Amino acid sequence: MTQPSITVESVGADTWDDLRTVFGERGDPSGCWCQWFKLSGGEFRATPTDEKTALLHTSVEQGSPGVIARIDGEPVGWSAVEPYTAYPGLRRSPITKRLAGDPDDPWAVTCFVVRIDHRKRGVARALLAGAVEHAAERGAEVIEGYPVDPGVRPSLSAAERYHGTVSLFESAGFAVVRRPSATRAIMRRELVP
């Protein structure tokens, strides 16, 4: 079987409708709209889905908070990537909070969404490569990810893998910095200007 032709680009106002297609109307992405790390837990639960959608739309209109993948022009995936400080939830989490020696404001890859009918086709790998390029083009010197490790717990569901996997990040040149829990890793890659 030949591999599909996957392209990745930074999102912008002209890609909003395609991004809506990726998030869909069912499943976790359609209720989150990449606001989990932007809002506190209470705010997230209290914010209706249409307002979460509007928050991401505003973020897309004001800049580019991530990348979108396409197969033969069809929108199939999304990855969120912005500076660490754009995600208040990362500072609050015991998994991702800064420790002594950590860079203050690396870029962070926090989320992957791949439409169900396009999984296991290399979309997440292409999204991560695109996220790295996106961050580098915007001056990032360091980029981090916070993936799960299905090698430690193979029963991780697709929903629990939205952070990406350790093997995915390793394949993109990221190294494990520490393991804050058995199934989670902090992974980092230096970007050379």
Foldseek 3Di string as FASTA:
>chain_A
DDFFDKDKDFFALVCLVLVCVLQDCDDDSQLQLPCPQQDPPVCSVVDGSVVSSVVNSVVRHVDTQWMFMDGVNRTFKIWGKDKPVNGNNLCVDPQRNDDPPDDPIAIETAFMGGPPVCPPRCRVLNRVVNNVVVCVVVPGFKYKFKAWACVQPVPQDPVNGGSPYPVSVVVVVWDFPDASDSTITITMDGDDD
